């Protein structure tokens, strides 16, 4: 016999988006080390396009990689990513 939770499809929520391949690797590592389940959408495409100076502004147009976590883990994942963002800002003095 299955429970209601097992029979319902898992809902996924986007918690991170970037066109920066190096930053994507860091975020994936942090989430993996923290034990989150996640999927990455668009990771392969981010290495195919020579985005050059427009790279940072294109993630709003569908060219960025997007990380999704299960809905029940989203708040915790966003909290971990906020800490990471603060640490990266402290290191380079600018926002990521």
PDB file of N, CA and C in Angstrom:
ATOM      1  N   UNK A   1       0.845  -1.186   0.000  1.00  0.00           N
ATOM      2  CA  UNK A   1       0.000   0.000   0.000  1.00  0.00           C
ATOM      3  C   UNK A   1       0.888   1.245   0.000  1.00  0.00           C
ATOM      4  N   UNK A   2       0.552   2.214  -0.825  1.00  0.00           N
ATOM      5  CA  UNK A   2       1.335   3.458  -0.902  1.00  0.00           C
ATOM      6  C   UNK A   2       0.629   4.552  -0.127  1.00  0.00           C
ATOM      7  N   UNK A   3       1.422   5.491   0.355  1.00  0.00           N
ATOM      8  CA  UNK A   3       0.847   6.639   1.045  1.00  0.00           C
ATOM      9  C   UNK A   3       0.507   7.702   0.024  1.00  0.00           C
ATOM     10  N   UNK A   4      -0.266   8.704   0.422  1.00  0.00           N
ATOM     11  CA  UNK A   4      -0.610   9.803  -0.482  1.00  0.00           C
ATOM     12  C   UNK A   4       0.639  10.524  -0.974  1.00  0.00           C
ATOM     13  N   UNK A   5       1.631  10.667  -0.075  1.00  0.00           N
ATOM     14  CA  UNK A   5       2.849  11.373  -0.438  1.00  0.00           C
ATOM     15  C   UNK A   5       3.603  10.625  -1.538  1.00  0.00           C
ATOM     16  N   UNK A   6       3.625   9.305  -1.485  1.00  0.00           N
ATOM     17  CA  UNK A   6       4.334   8.531  -2.484  1.00  0.00           C
ATOM     18  C   UNK A   6       3.632   8.553  -3.835  1.00  0.00           C
ATOM     19  N   UNK A   7       2.320   8.693  -3.855  1.00  0.00           N
ATOM     20  CA  UNK A   7       1.585   8.637  -5.106  1.00  0.00           C
ATOM     21  C   UNK A   7       1.497   9.986  -5.820  1.00  0.00           C
ATOM     22  N   UNK A   8       1.717  11.070  -5.111  1.00  0.00           N
ATOM     23  CA  UNK A   8       1.658  12.393  -5.721  1.00  0.00           C
ATOM     24  C   UNK A   8       2.996  12.726  -6.364  1.00  0.00           C
ATOM     25  N   UNK A   9       2.975  13.335  -7.552  1.00  0.00           N
ATOM     26  CA  UNK A   9       4.245  13.726  -8.190  1.00  0.00           C
ATOM     27  C   UNK A   9       4.931  14.816  -7.377  1.00  0.00           C
ATOM     28  N   UNK A  10       6.249  14.781  -7.376  1.00  0.00           N
ATOM     29  CA  UNK A  10       7.044  15.761  -6.642  1.00  0.00           C
ATOM     30  C   UNK A  10       7.018  17.086  -7.384  1.00  0.00           C
ATOM     31  N   UNK A  11       6.793  18.169  -6.680  1.00  0.00           N
ATOM     32  CA  UNK A  11       6.807  19.512  -7.258  1.00  0.00           C
ATOM     33  C   UNK A  11       8.210  20.109  -7.083  1.00  0.00           C
ATOM     34  N   UNK A  12       8.734  20.695  -8.154  1.00  0.00           N
ATOM     35  CA  UNK A  12      10.077  21.273  -8.137  1.00  0.00           C
ATOM     36  C   UNK A  12      10.000  22.783  -8.294  1.00  0.00           C
ATOM     37  N   UNK A  13      10.918  23.487  -7.624  1.00  0.00           N
ATOM     38  CA  UNK A  13      10.936  24.951  -7.594  1.00  0.00           C
ATOM     39  C   UNK A  13      12.330  25.431  -8.009  1.00  0.00           C
ATOM     40  N   UNK A  14      12.380  26.442  -8.885  1.00  0.00           N
ATOM     41  CA  UNK A  14      13.669  27.018  -9.266  1.00  0.00           C
ATOM     42  C   UNK A  14      14.193  27.889  -8.128  1.00  0.00           C
ATOM     43  N   UNK A  15      15.447  27.631  -7.729  1.00  0.00           N
ATOM     44  CA  UNK A  15      16.058  28.410  -6.652  1.00  0.00           C
ATOM     45  C   UNK A  15      17.296  29.180  -7.093  1.00  0.00           C
ATOM     46  N   UNK A  16      17.774  28.896  -8.324  1.00  0.00           N
ATOM     47  CA  UNK A  16      18.994  29.566  -8.761  1.00  0.00           C
ATOM     48  C   UNK A  16      19.056  29.573 -10.280  1.00  0.00           C
ATOM     49  N   UNK A  17      19.576  30.671 -10.850  1.00  0.00           N
ATOM     50  CA  UNK A  17      19.758  30.784 -12.296  1.00  0.00           C
ATOM     51  C   UNK A  17      21.021  31.582 -12.564  1.00  0.00           C
ATOM     52  N   UNK A  18      21.828  31.115 -13.521  1.00  0.00           N
ATOM     53  CA  UNK A  18      23.062  31.815 -13.860  1.00  0.00           C
ATOM     54  C   UNK A  18      23.522  31.443 -15.260  1.00  0.00           C
ATOM     55  N   UNK A  19      24.324  32.309 -15.853  1.00  0.00           N
ATOM     56  CA  UNK A  19      25.022  31.996 -17.105  1.00  0.00           C
ATOM     57  C   UNK A  19      26.503  31.772 -16.830  1.00  0.00           C
ATOM     58  N   UNK A  20      26.922  31.907 -15.586  1.00  0.00           N
ATOM     59  CA  UNK A  20      28.322  31.737 -15.183  1.00  0.00           C
ATOM     60  C   UNK A  20      28.577  30.264 -14.858  1.00  0.00           C
ATOM     61  N   UNK A  21      29.321  29.583 -15.719  1.00  0.00           N
ATOM     62  CA  UNK A  21      29.567  28.150 -15.571  1.00  0.00           C
ATOM     63  C   UNK A  21      30.336  27.848 -14.284  1.00  0.00           C
ATOM     64  N   UNK A  22      31.310  28.676 -13.942  1.00  0.00           N
ATOM     65  CA  UNK A  22      32.089  28.452 -12.723  1.00  0.00           C
ATOM     66  C   UNK A  22      31.211  28.590 -11.478  1.00  0.00           C
ATOM     67  N   UNK A  23      30.374  29.609 -11.453  1.00  0.00           N
ATOM     68  CA  UNK A  23      29.471  29.797 -10.322  1.00  0.00           C
ATOM     69  C   UNK A  23      28.482  28.642 -10.220  1.00  0.00           C
ATOM     70  N   UNK A  24      28.019  28.150 -11.357  1.00  0.00           N
ATOM     71  CA  UNK A  24      27.112  27.007 -11.366  1.00  0.00           C
ATOM     72  C   UNK A  24      27.755  25.796 -10.701  1.00  0.00           C
ATOM     73  N   UNK A  25      29.017  25.543 -10.989  1.00  0.00           N
ATOM     74  CA  UNK A  25      29.725  24.412 -10.381  1.00  0.00           C
ATOM     75  C   UNK A  25      29.812  24.571  -8.856  1.00  0.00           C
ATOM     76  N   UNK A  26      30.064  25.787  -8.396  1.00  0.00           N
ATOM     77  CA  UNK A  26      30.144  26.048  -6.957  1.00  0.00           C
ATOM     78  C   UNK A  26      28.786  25.799  -6.305  1.00  0.00           C
ATOM     79  N   UNK A  27      27.725  26.325  -6.897  1.00  0.00           N
ATOM     80  CA  UNK A  27      26.379  26.167  -6.331  1.00  0.00           C
ATOM     81  C   UNK A  27      25.978  24.703  -6.290  1.00  0.00           C
ATOM     82  N   UNK A  28      26.252  23.985  -7.362  1.00  0.00           N
ATOM     83  CA  UNK A  28      25.929  22.553  -7.384  1.00  0.00           C
ATOM     84  C   UNK A  28      26.674  21.810  -6.280  1.00  0.00           C
ATOM     85  N   UNK A  29      27.939  22.140  -6.086  1.00  0.00           N
ATOM     86  CA  UNK A  29      28.742  21.493  -5.054  1.00  0.00           C
ATOM     87  C   UNK A  29      28.196  21.777  -3.654  1.00  0.00           C
ATOM     88  N   UNK A  30      27.822  23.027  -3.427  1.00  0.00           N
ATOM     89  CA  UNK A  30      27.272  23.412  -2.116  1.00  0.00           C
ATOM     90  C   UNK A  30      25.967  22.670  -1.842  1.00  0.00           C
ATOM     91  N   UNK A  31      25.082  22.644  -2.830  1.00  0.00           N
ATOM     92  CA  UNK A  31      23.806  21.949  -2.641  1.00  0.00           C
ATOM     93  C   UNK A  31      24.000  20.449  -2.439  1.00  0.00           C
ATOM     94  N   UNK A  32      24.915  19.868  -3.194  1.00  0.00           N
ATOM     95  CA  UNK A  32      25.187  18.441  -3.059  1.00  0.00           C
ATOM     96  C   UNK A  32      25.760  18.126  -1.672  1.00  0.00           C
ATOM     97  N   UNK A  33      26.733  18.923  -1.229  1.00  0.00           N
ATOM     98  CA  UNK A  33      27.329  18.715   0.087  1.00  0.00           C
ATOM     99  C   UNK A  33      26.322  18.887   1.215  1.00  0.00           C
ATOM    100  N   UNK A  34      25.331  19.766   1.007  1.00  0.00           N
ATOM    101  CA  UNK A  34      24.304  20.003   2.029  1.00  0.00           C
ATOM    102  C   UNK A  34      23.204  18.937   1.984  1.00  0.00           C
ATOM    103  N   UNK A  35      23.255  18.037   1.006  1.00  0.00           N
ATOM    104  CA  UNK A  35      22.305  16.937   0.954  1.00  0.00           C
ATOM    105  C   UNK A  35      20.993  17.227   0.250  1.00  0.00           C
ATOM    106  N   UNK A  36      20.945  18.287  -0.553  1.00  0.00           N
ATOM    107  CA  UNK A  36      19.713  18.618  -1.271  1.00  0.00           C
ATOM    108  C   UNK A  36      19.572  17.750  -2.521  1.00  0.00           C
ATOM    109  N   UNK A  37      18.337  17.430  -2.856  1.00  0.00           N
ATOM    110  CA  UNK A  37      18.025  16.852  -4.154  1.00  0.00           C
ATOM    111  C   UNK A  37      17.878  18.028  -5.106  1.00  0.00           C
ATOM    112  N   UNK A  38      18.454  17.931  -6.295  1.00  0.00           N
ATOM    113  CA  UNK A  38      18.296  19.025  -7.252  1.00  0.00           C
ATOM    114  C   UNK A  38      18.455  18.517  -8.674  1.00  0.00           C
ATOM    115  N   UNK A  39      17.922  19.303  -9.599  1.00  0.00           N
ATOM    116  CA  UNK A  39      18.119  19.064 -11.021  1.00  0.00           C
ATOM    117  C   UNK A  39      18.631  20.363 -11.636  1.00  0.00           C
ATOM    118  N   UNK A  40      19.367  20.224 -12.723  1.00  0.00           N
ATOM    119  CA  UNK A  40      19.889  21.396 -13.427  1.00  0.00           C
ATOM    120  C   UNK A  40      19.336  21.364 -14.839  1.00  0.00           C
ATOM    121  N   UNK A  41      18.734  22.458 -15.230  1.00  0.00           N
ATOM    122  CA  UNK A  41      18.175  22.591 -16.573  1.00  0.00           C
ATOM    123  C   UNK A  41      18.994  23.623 -17.338  1.00  0.00           C
ATOM    124  N   UNK A  42      19.439  23.274 -18.545  1.00  0.00           N
ATOM    125  CA  UNK A  42      20.156  24.225 -19.385  1.00  0.00           C
ATOM    126  C   UNK A  42      21.648  24.286 -19.159  1.00  0.00           C
ATOM    127  N   UNK A  43      22.197  23.366 -18.382  1.00  0.00           N
ATOM    128  CA  UNK A  43      23.629  23.404 -18.093  1.00  0.00           C
ATOM    129  C   UNK A  43      24.465  23.213 -19.363  1.00  0.00           C
ATOM    130  N   UNK A  44      24.080  22.291 -20.205  1.00  0.00           N
ATOM    131  CA  UNK A  44      24.849  22.017 -21.415  1.00  0.00           C
ATOM    132  C   UNK A  44      24.836  23.212 -22.367  1.00  0.00           C
ATOM    133  N   UNK A  45      23.707  23.847 -22.514  1.00  0.00           N
ATOM    134  CA  UNK A  45      23.580  24.976 -23.434  1.00  0.00           C
ATOM    135  C   UNK A  45      24.433  26.166 -22.995  1.00  0.00           C
ATOM    136  N   UNK A  46      24.660  26.310 -21.706  1.00  0.00           N
ATOM    137  CA  UNK A  46      25.423  27.462 -21.226  1.00  0.00           C
ATOM    138  C   UNK A  46      26.871  27.414 -21.677  1.00  0.00           C
ATOM    139  N   UNK A  47      27.374  26.237 -22.052  1.00  0.00           N
ATOM    140  CA  UNK A  47      28.754  26.142 -22.523  1.00  0.00           C
ATOM    141  C   UNK A  47      28.845  26.191 -24.046  1.00  0.00           C
ATOM    142  N   UNK A  48      27.717  26.134 -24.743  1.00  0.00           N
ATOM    143  CA  UNK A  48      27.725  26.104 -26.198  1.00  0.00           C
ATOM    144  C   UNK A  48      27.730  27.482 -26.848  1.00  0.00           C
ATOM    145  N   UNK A  49      27.131  28.452 -26.189  1.00  0.00           N
ATOM    146  CA  UNK A  49      26.982  29.778 -26.786  1.00  0.00           C
ATOM    147  C   UNK A  49      28.137  30.699 -26.402  1.00  0.00           C
ATOM    148  N   UNK A  50      28.775  31.344 -27.367  1.00  0.00           N
ATOM    149  CA  UNK A  50      29.817  32.329 -27.050  1.00  0.00           C
ATOM    150  C   UNK A  50      29.155  33.657 -26.660  1.00  0.00           C
ATOM    151  N   UNK A  51      28.809  33.779 -25.400  1.00  0.00           N
ATOM    152  CA  UNK A  51      27.984  34.908 -24.972  1.00  0.00           C
ATOM    153  C   UNK A  51      28.759  36.211 -24.791  1.00  0.00           C
ATOM    154  N   UNK A  52      30.047  36.122 -24.571  1.00  0.00           N
ATOM    155  CA  UNK A  52      30.872  37.315 -24.472  1.00  0.00           C
ATOM    156  C   UNK A  52      30.362  38.321 -23.463  1.00  0.00           C
ATOM    157  N   UNK A  53      30.411  39.628 -23.810  1.00  0.00           N
ATOM    158  CA  UNK A  53      30.052  40.670 -22.848  1.00  0.00           C
ATOM    159  C   UNK A  53      28.569  40.687 -22.493  1.00  0.00           C
ATOM    160  N   UNK A  54      27.737  40.010 -23.260  1.00  0.00           N
ATOM    161  CA  UNK A  54      26.307  39.996 -22.977  1.00  0.00           C
ATOM    162  C   UNK A  54      25.926  38.884 -22.020  1.00  0.00           C
ATOM    163  N   UNK A  55      26.870  38.092 -21.630  1.00  0.00           N
ATOM    164  CA  UNK A  55      26.642  36.901 -20.821  1.00  0.00           C
ATOM    165  C   UNK A  55      25.762  37.143 -19.599  1.00  0.00           C
ATOM    166  N   UNK A  56      26.051  38.150 -18.799  1.00  0.00           N
ATOM    167  CA  UNK A  56      25.324  38.383 -17.559  1.00  0.00           C
ATOM    168  C   UNK A  56      23.872  38.769 -17.741  1.00  0.00           C
ATOM    169  N   UNK A  57      23.538  39.442 -18.838  1.00  0.00           N
ATOM    170  CA  UNK A  57      22.182  39.906 -19.032  1.00  0.00           C
ATOM    171  C   UNK A  57      21.257  38.925 -19.714  1.00  0.00           C
ATOM    172  N   UNK A  58      21.785  37.791 -20.148  1.00  0.00           N
ATOM    173  CA  UNK A  58      20.967  36.869 -20.926  1.00  0.00           C
ATOM    174  C   UNK A  58      20.196  35.859 -20.088  1.00  0.00           C
ATOM    175  N   UNK A  59      20.508  35.718 -18.803  1.00  0.00           N
ATOM    176  CA  UNK A  59      19.809  34.697 -18.036  1.00  0.00           C
ATOM    177  C   UNK A  59      18.320  34.998 -17.910  1.00  0.00           C
ATOM    178  N   UNK A  60      17.892  36.206 -18.165  1.00  0.00           N
ATOM    179  CA  UNK A  60      16.469  36.519 -18.146  1.00  0.00           C
ATOM    180  C   UNK A  60      15.799  36.156 -19.470  1.00  0.00           C
ATOM    181  N   UNK A  61      16.596  35.746 -20.442  1.00  0.00           N
ATOM    182  CA  UNK A  61      16.069  35.416 -21.757  1.00  0.00           C
ATOM    183  C   UNK A  61      16.170  33.920 -22.060  1.00  0.00           C
ATOM    184  N   UNK A  62      16.367  33.094 -21.050  1.00  0.00           N
ATOM    185  CA  UNK A  62      16.354  31.658 -21.243  1.00  0.00           C
ATOM    186  C   UNK A  62      17.683  31.008 -21.552  1.00  0.00           C
ATOM    187  N   UNK A  63      18.795  31.750 -21.492  1.00  0.00           N
ATOM    188  CA  UNK A  63      20.090  31.169 -21.815  1.00  0.00           C
ATOM    189  C   UNK A  63      20.841  30.662 -20.589  1.00  0.00           C
ATOM    190  N   UNK A  64      20.330  30.868 -19.402  1.00  0.00           N
ATOM    191  CA  UNK A  64      21.036  30.467 -18.202  1.00  0.00           C
ATOM    192  C   UNK A  64      20.683  29.055 -17.770  1.00  0.00           C
ATOM    193  N   UNK A  65      21.561  28.483 -16.956  1.00  0.00           N
ATOM    194  CA  UNK A  65      21.272  27.209 -16.322  1.00  0.00           C
ATOM    195  C   UNK A  65      20.412  27.489 -15.088  1.00  0.00           C
ATOM    196  N   UNK A  66      19.449  26.624 -14.854  1.00  0.00           N
ATOM    197  CA  UNK A  66      18.531  26.802 -13.735  1.00  0.00           C
ATOM    198  C   UNK A  66      18.556  25.576 -12.842  1.00  0.00           C
ATOM    199  N   UNK A  67      18.668  25.815 -11.530  1.00  0.00           N
ATOM    200  CA  UNK A  67      18.660  24.722 -10.555  1.00  0.00           C
ATOM    201  C   UNK A  67      17.298  24.691  -9.882  1.00  0.00           C
ATOM    202  N   UNK A  68      16.714  23.496  -9.860  1.00  0.00           N
ATOM    203  CA  UNK A  68      15.423  23.264  -9.225  1.00  0.00           C
ATOM    204  C   UNK A  68      15.602  22.281  -8.069  1.00  0.00           C
ATOM    205  N   UNK A  69      14.888  22.509  -6.982  1.00  0.00           N
ATOM    206  CA  UNK A  69      14.867  21.592  -5.844  1.00  0.00           C
ATOM    207  C   UNK A  69      13.412  21.222  -5.550  1.00  0.00           C
ATOM    208  N   UNK A  70      13.187  20.119  -4.838  1.00  0.00           N
ATOM    209  CA  UNK A  70      11.813  19.792  -4.454  1.00  0.00           C
ATOM    210  C   UNK A  70      11.209  20.923  -3.633  1.00  0.00           C
ATOM    211  N   UNK A  71       9.924  21.134  -3.811  1.00  0.00           N
ATOM    212  CA  UNK A  71       9.229  22.238  -3.148  1.00  0.00           C
ATOM    213  C   UNK A  71       9.438  22.232  -1.635  1.00  0.00           C
ATOM    214  N   UNK A  72       9.474  21.046  -1.030  1.00  0.00           N
ATOM    215  CA  UNK A  72       9.631  20.980   0.424  1.00  0.00           C
ATOM    216  C   UNK A  72      11.051  21.300   0.892  1.00  0.00           C
ATOM    217  N   UNK A  73      12.007  21.413  -0.042  1.00  0.00           N
ATOM    218  CA  UNK A  73      13.384  21.777   0.300  1.00  0.00           C
ATOM    219  C   UNK A  73      13.748  23.197  -0.151  1.00  0.00           C
ATOM    220  N   UNK A  74      12.833  23.865  -0.827  1.00  0.00           N
ATOM    221  CA  UNK A  74      13.138  25.156  -1.447  1.00  0.00           C
ATOM    222  C   UNK A  74      13.561  26.224  -0.441  1.00  0.00           C
ATOM    223  N   UNK A  75      12.843  26.358   0.644  1.00  0.00           N
ATOM    224  CA  UNK A  75      13.171  27.409   1.621  1.00  0.00           C
ATOM    225  C   UNK A  75      14.562  27.190   2.207  1.00  0.00           C
ATOM    226  N   UNK A  76      14.886  25.946   2.542  1.00  0.00           N
ATOM    227  CA  UNK A  76      16.209  25.650   3.095  1.00  0.00           C
ATOM    228  C   UNK A  76      17.306  25.874   2.056  1.00  0.00           C
ATOM    229  N   UNK A  77      17.059  25.478   0.813  1.00  0.00           N
ATOM    230  CA  UNK A  77      18.051  25.675  -0.250  1.00  0.00           C
ATOM    231  C   UNK A  77      18.286  27.164  -0.491  1.00  0.00           C
ATOM    232  N   UNK A  78      17.224  27.953  -0.508  1.00  0.00           N
ATOM    233  CA  UNK A  78      17.374  29.399  -0.699  1.00  0.00           C
ATOM    234  C   UNK A  78      18.157  30.029   0.447  1.00  0.00           C
ATOM    235  N   UNK A  79      17.978  29.516   1.645  1.00  0.00           N
ATOM    236  CA  UNK A  79      18.729  30.029   2.793  1.00  0.00           C
ATOM    237  C   UNK A  79      20.215  29.720   2.643  1.00  0.00           C
ATOM    238  N   UNK A  80      20.547  28.503   2.225  1.00  0.00           N
ATOM    239  CA  UNK A  80      21.942  28.123   2.003  1.00  0.00           C
ATOM    240  C   UNK A  80      22.551  28.970   0.888  1.00  0.00           C
ATOM    241  N   UNK A  81      21.799  29.179  -0.184  1.00  0.00           N
ATOM    242  CA  UNK A  81      22.307  29.979  -1.298  1.00  0.00           C
ATOM    243  C   UNK A  81      22.467  31.449  -0.915  1.00  0.00           C
ATOM    244  N   UNK A  82      21.643  31.952  -0.021  1.00  0.00           N
ATOM    245  CA  UNK A  82      21.790  33.333   0.450  1.00  0.00           C
ATOM    246  C   UNK A  82      23.095  33.489   1.230  1.00  0.00           C
ATOM    247  N   UNK A  83      23.428  32.494   2.036  1.00  0.00           N
ATOM    248  CA  UNK A  83      24.692  32.525   2.775  1.00  0.00           C
ATOM    249  C   UNK A  83      25.865  32.491   1.798  1.00  0.00           C
ATOM    250  N   UNK A  84      25.772  31.638   0.785  1.00  0.00           N
ATOM    251  CA  UNK A  84      26.816  31.568  -0.233  1.00  0.00           C
ATOM    252  C   UNK A  84      26.967  32.903  -0.953  1.00  0.00           C
ATOM    253  N   UNK A  85      25.850  33.519  -1.318  1.00  0.00           N
ATOM    254  CA  UNK A  85      25.883  34.812  -1.998  1.00  0.00           C
ATOM    255  C   UNK A  85      26.568  35.858  -1.124  1.00  0.00           C
ATOM    256  N   UNK A  86      26.261  35.867   0.172  1.00  0.00           N
ATOM    257  CA  UNK A  86      26.899  36.816   1.091  1.00  0.00           C
ATOM    258  C   UNK A  86      28.399  36.585   1.170  1.00  0.00           C
ATOM    259  N   UNK A  87      28.814  35.313   1.203  1.00  0.00           N
ATOM    260  CA  UNK A  87      30.240  35.001   1.268  1.00  0.00           C
ATOM    261  C   UNK A  87      30.957  35.422  -0.015  1.00  0.00           C
ATOM    262  N   UNK A  88      30.331  35.178  -1.168  1.00  0.00           N
ATOM    263  CA  UNK A  88      30.940  35.581  -2.430  1.00  0.00           C
ATOM    264  C   UNK A  88      31.023  37.093  -2.552  1.00  0.00           C
ATOM    265  N   UNK A  89      30.021  37.795  -2.047  1.00  0.00           N
ATOM    266  CA  UNK A  89      30.033  39.257  -2.073  1.00  0.00           C
ATOM    267  C   UNK A  89      31.162  39.783  -1.194  1.00  0.00           C
ATOM    268  N   UNK A  90      31.373  39.155  -0.033  1.00  0.00           N
ATOM    269  CA  UNK A  90      32.457  39.570   0.858  1.00  0.00           C
ATOM    270  C   UNK A  90      33.819  39.345   0.228  1.00  0.00           C
ATOM    271  N   UNK A  91      33.945  38.294  -0.573  1.00  0.00           N
ATOM    272  CA  UNK A  91      35.239  37.970  -1.189  1.00  0.00           C
ATOM    273  C   UNK A  91      35.598  38.957  -2.279  1.00  0.00           C
ATOM    274  N   UNK A  92      34.654  39.230  -3.203  1.00  0.00           N
ATOM    275  CA  UNK A  92      35.013  40.077  -4.344  1.00  0.00           C
ATOM    276  C   UNK A  92      34.471  41.499  -4.246  1.00  0.00           C
ATOM    277  N   UNK A  93      33.676  41.781  -3.251  1.00  0.00           N
ATOM    278  CA  UNK A  93      33.186  43.139  -3.054  1.00  0.00           C
ATOM    279  C   UNK A  93      32.061  43.548  -3.959  1.00  0.00           C
ATOM    280  N   UNK A  94      31.574  42.640  -4.792  1.00  0.00           N
ATOM    281  CA  UNK A  94      30.441  42.948  -5.658  1.00  0.00           C
ATOM    282  C   UNK A  94      29.440  41.822  -5.575  1.00  0.00           C
ATOM    283  N   UNK A  95      28.222  42.122  -6.016  1.00  0.00           N
ATOM    284  CA  UNK A  95      27.181  41.094  -5.984  1.00  0.00           C
ATOM    285  C   UNK A  95      27.355  40.173  -7.175  1.00  0.00           C
ATOM    286  N   UNK A  96      26.959  38.869  -6.987  1.00  0.00           N
ATOM    287  CA  UNK A  96      27.042  37.901  -8.080  1.00  0.00           C
ATOM    288  C   UNK A  96      25.820  37.919  -8.926  1.00  0.00           C
TER     289      UNK A  96
END
